[in-house]
Amino acid sequence: MDTQVLPREPVPVRLMNTIWADRKGIHDALADVDDLRSWLTAVDGAAIQLPAGARLGRSELAAFRVLRDALRRLAALVTEDARPAAAASDIELAVTKVNEAVASGNTWPQLSLRRGNFERQSAGSATPAMRSLSTIATEAIELFAGEDRALLRACYAPGCVLYFVKNHPRRDWCSTSCGNRARAARHYRRHHGAES
């Protein structure tokens, strides 16, 4: 599976979508440290960057997986997700984990001058990966507490476990392929369900 599931979604949604499904079952795109490195490298955005040679370990992988699982629980609650794979349990713990992720960044903005231009950079004692984790958690707070919360959706295409932000009034699925699967399943039910 591509490490960039639904690349136009907000980064917290893209982190949630590192759990994905196909005909073989549910998969984890953050199974090991190399997967996390690939995902962080592929995420675009000035605040989410992993410098070349940045060290990643099991603790960073665990932190990203904990944040991802907390965000999925919150998304399940917000979207009233009724899919079996969505367990909207222990919401208070999920909120705590998001807040802990924000605090783990231990960063502050700094102004720098590069080639005659002012730039904003982050400084602090946290690793680049933990600064990215903190930034993603901060963006998640904006998503869940902001206006876009009402646009967050669970994809109900057969077998899908992804979330998306409904950025168009006619968008009902996370992707075109999920929309096609949903329409094919509906067509099959209409034409074969009545025969049984």
Protein backbone atom coordinates (compact mmCIF):
# COMPACT_ATOMS: atom_id res chain seq x y z
CA MET A 1 0.00 0.00 0.00
CA ASP A 2 1.17 3.48 -0.79
CA THR A 3 2.41 5.34 2.29
CA GLN A 4 0.38 8.30 1.14
CA VAL A 5 -3.22 7.15 1.47
CA LEU A 6 -5.43 10.07 0.42
CA PRO A 7 -2.57 12.61 0.19
CA ARG A 8 -4.86 15.64 0.02
CA GLU A 9 -6.39 15.01 3.42
CA PRO A 10 -5.20 16.94 6.49
CA VAL A 11 -2.12 15.33 8.03
CA PRO A 12 -3.96 14.03 11.14
CA VAL A 13 -6.43 12.23 8.84
CA ARG A 14 -3.53 10.84 6.84
CA LEU A 15 -2.02 9.53 10.07
CA MET A 16 -5.37 7.90 10.97
CA ASN A 17 -5.37 6.31 7.53
CA THR A 18 -2.11 4.46 8.12
CA ILE A 19 -4.52 1.72 9.17
CA TRP A 20 -6.04 0.52 5.89
CA ALA A 21 -7.84 -2.49 4.50
CA ASP A 22 -7.96 -4.58 1.36
CA ARG A 23 -9.36 -7.99 0.50
CA LYS A 24 -6.67 -9.65 2.61
CA GLY A 25 -7.64 -7.78 5.77
CA ILE A 26 -6.65 -4.76 7.84
CA HIS A 27 -3.07 -3.53 7.54
CA ASP A 28 -0.79 -1.20 9.49
CA ALA A 29 1.34 1.11 7.34
CA LEU A 30 3.39 1.94 10.47
CA ALA A 31 4.49 -1.61 11.23
CA ASP A 32 8.13 -0.71 11.86
CA VAL A 33 10.54 2.21 12.12
CA ASP A 34 11.27 2.14 8.38
CA ASP A 35 7.55 2.53 7.67
CA LEU A 36 7.43 5.56 9.98
CA ARG A 37 10.46 7.08 8.26
CA SER A 38 8.83 6.55 4.84
CA TRP A 39 5.57 8.07 6.02
CA LEU A 40 7.21 11.12 7.62
CA THR A 41 9.40 11.66 4.57
CA ALA A 42 6.37 11.49 2.26
CA VAL A 43 4.23 13.91 4.30
CA ASP A 44 4.41 17.34 2.79
CA GLY A 45 4.25 20.46 4.88
CA ALA A 46 6.86 22.76 6.33
CA ALA A 47 6.05 21.82 9.92
CA ILE A 48 6.14 18.05 9.28
CA GLN A 49 9.64 17.30 8.10
CA LEU A 50 12.14 14.64 8.91
CA PRO A 51 15.66 15.84 8.13
CA ALA A 52 17.89 13.41 6.27
CA GLY A 53 19.73 11.24 8.74
CA ALA A 54 17.32 11.97 11.60
CA ARG A 55 17.26 9.13 14.06
CA LEU A 56 14.08 7.20 14.65
CA GLY A 57 13.57 4.46 17.17
CA ARG A 58 10.91 2.24 18.63
CA SER A 59 9.84 4.94 21.08
CA GLU A 60 8.99 7.34 18.23
CA LEU A 61 7.17 4.57 16.37
CA ALA A 62 5.18 3.74 19.50
CA ALA A 63 4.32 7.43 20.03
CA PHE A 64 3.00 7.80 16.47
CA ARG A 65 0.95 4.63 16.76
CA VAL A 66 -0.53 5.77 20.09
CA LEU A 67 -1.47 9.14 18.57
CA ARG A 68 -2.91 7.46 15.49
CA ASP A 69 -5.07 5.13 17.58
CA ALA A 70 -6.28 8.02 19.75
CA LEU A 71 -7.20 10.04 16.65
CA ARG A 72 -9.08 7.09 15.18
CA ARG A 73 -11.08 6.74 18.41
CA LEU A 74 -11.93 10.44 18.35
CA ALA A 75 -12.83 10.29 14.65
CA ALA A 76 -15.10 7.30 15.32
CA LEU A 77 -16.93 9.36 17.95
CA VAL A 78 -17.18 12.51 15.81
CA THR A 79 -18.39 10.64 12.72
CA GLU A 80 -20.64 8.27 14.68
CA ASP A 81 -18.73 5.52 12.90
CA ALA A 82 -20.73 2.30 13.05
CA ARG A 83 -18.19 0.13 11.23
CA PRO A 84 -17.00 -2.92 13.19
CA ALA A 85 -13.36 -1.78 12.96
CA ALA A 86 -14.18 1.53 14.66
CA ALA A 87 -14.00 1.27 18.41
CA ALA A 88 -14.94 4.60 19.93
CA SER A 89 -14.00 3.44 23.40
CA ASP A 90 -12.23 5.33 26.17
CA ILE A 91 -12.56 8.78 24.65
CA GLU A 92 -11.05 10.46 27.72
CA LEU A 93 -7.88 8.40 27.29
CA ALA A 94 -7.77 9.34 23.60
CA VAL A 95 -8.00 13.05 24.50
CA THR A 96 -5.23 12.58 27.06
CA LYS A 97 -2.99 10.90 24.46
CA VAL A 98 -3.52 13.76 21.97
CA ASN A 99 -2.63 16.30 24.66
CA GLU A 100 0.46 14.29 25.66
CA ALA A 101 1.54 14.19 22.01
CA VAL A 102 1.23 17.98 21.76
CA ALA A 103 3.35 18.41 24.89
CA SER A 104 6.01 15.95 23.69
CA GLY A 105 7.24 18.38 21.05
CA ASN A 106 8.92 20.70 23.53
CA THR A 107 9.51 23.25 20.80
CA TRP A 108 9.23 26.93 20.23
CA PRO A 109 9.39 29.04 17.09
CA GLN A 110 12.56 30.88 16.18
CA LEU A 111 13.27 33.44 13.54
CA SER A 112 16.18 32.86 11.20
CA LEU A 113 17.67 34.76 8.30
CA ARG A 114 18.49 32.72 5.23
CA ARG A 115 19.62 34.23 1.94
CA GLY A 116 18.25 37.61 2.96
CA ASN A 117 14.80 36.24 3.88
CA PHE A 118 13.27 35.72 7.29
CA GLU A 119 12.10 32.18 7.99
CA ARG A 120 10.32 30.56 10.86
CA GLN A 121 12.02 27.49 12.28
CA SER A 122 11.40 25.26 15.26
CA ALA A 123 13.89 24.89 18.06
CA GLY A 124 13.84 22.80 21.19
CA SER A 125 15.10 19.67 22.85
CA ALA A 126 12.65 17.26 21.20
CA THR A 127 13.75 15.07 18.30
CA PRO A 128 12.54 16.03 14.81
CA ALA A 129 10.13 13.08 14.89
CA MET A 130 8.63 14.18 18.21
CA ARG A 131 8.30 17.76 16.95
CA SER A 132 6.40 16.35 13.97
CA LEU A 133 4.23 14.28 16.31
CA SER A 134 3.45 17.39 18.34
CA THR A 135 2.59 19.35 15.19
CA ILE A 136 0.26 16.63 13.96
CA ALA A 137 -1.45 16.48 17.35
CA THR A 138 -1.85 20.27 17.30
CA GLU A 139 -3.41 20.06 13.82
CA ALA A 140 -5.70 17.30 15.12
CA ILE A 141 -6.91 19.57 17.90
CA GLU A 142 -7.72 22.20 15.28
CA LEU A 143 -9.58 19.56 13.24
CA PHE A 144 -11.63 18.14 16.11
CA ALA A 145 -12.34 21.47 17.80
CA GLY A 146 -12.73 23.54 14.64
CA GLU A 147 -15.30 23.96 11.90
CA ASP A 148 -13.93 21.08 9.82
CA ARG A 149 -15.07 18.66 12.52
CA ALA A 150 -18.50 18.66 10.89
CA LEU A 151 -16.90 17.63 7.58
CA LEU A 152 -14.99 14.62 8.95
CA ARG A 153 -16.47 11.37 7.62
CA ALA A 154 -15.96 7.64 7.85
CA CYS A 155 -15.88 5.89 4.48
CA TYR A 156 -18.66 3.30 4.37
CA ALA A 157 -17.56 1.59 1.17
CA PRO A 158 -17.40 -2.20 1.60
CA GLY A 159 -14.24 -3.14 3.48
CA CYS A 160 -12.92 0.41 3.93
CA VAL A 161 -11.65 1.64 7.31
CA LEU A 162 -10.49 5.13 6.23
CA TYR A 163 -11.60 8.63 7.22
CA PHE A 164 -11.78 11.74 5.05
CA VAL A 165 -12.81 15.38 5.14
CA LYS A 166 -15.82 15.97 2.91
CA ASN A 167 -14.51 18.82 0.79
CA HIS A 168 -17.22 18.62 -1.88
CA PRO A 169 -21.01 18.36 -1.36
CA ARG A 170 -21.24 15.23 -3.53
CA ARG A 171 -18.31 13.40 -1.94
CA ASP A 172 -19.55 10.35 -0.03
CA TRP A 173 -16.47 8.11 -0.03
CA CYS A 174 -12.77 8.51 0.65
CA SER A 175 -11.77 7.77 -2.95
CA THR A 176 -13.13 7.06 -6.40
CA SER A 177 -12.35 3.36 -6.03
CA CYS A 178 -14.36 3.18 -2.81
CA GLY A 179 -17.23 4.99 -4.52
CA ASN A 180 -17.11 2.45 -7.36
CA ARG A 181 -17.11 -0.46 -4.88
CA ALA A 182 -20.06 1.02 -3.00
CA ARG A 183 -22.06 1.53 -6.21
CA ALA A 184 -21.22 -1.99 -7.43
CA ALA A 185 -22.31 -3.47 -4.08
CA ARG A 186 -25.55 -1.48 -4.18
CA HIS A 187 -26.21 -2.62 -7.75
CA TYR A 188 -25.52 -6.24 -6.79
CA ARG A 189 -27.90 -6.06 -3.80
CA ARG A 190 -30.63 -4.52 -5.97
CA HIS A 191 -30.36 -7.12 -8.70
CA HIS A 192 -29.39 -10.24 -6.75
CA GLY A 193 -30.88 -9.57 -3.34
CA ALA A 194 -34.47 -9.87 -4.59
CA GLU A 195 -33.77 -13.27 -6.23
CA SER A 196 -32.88 -15.01 -2.98
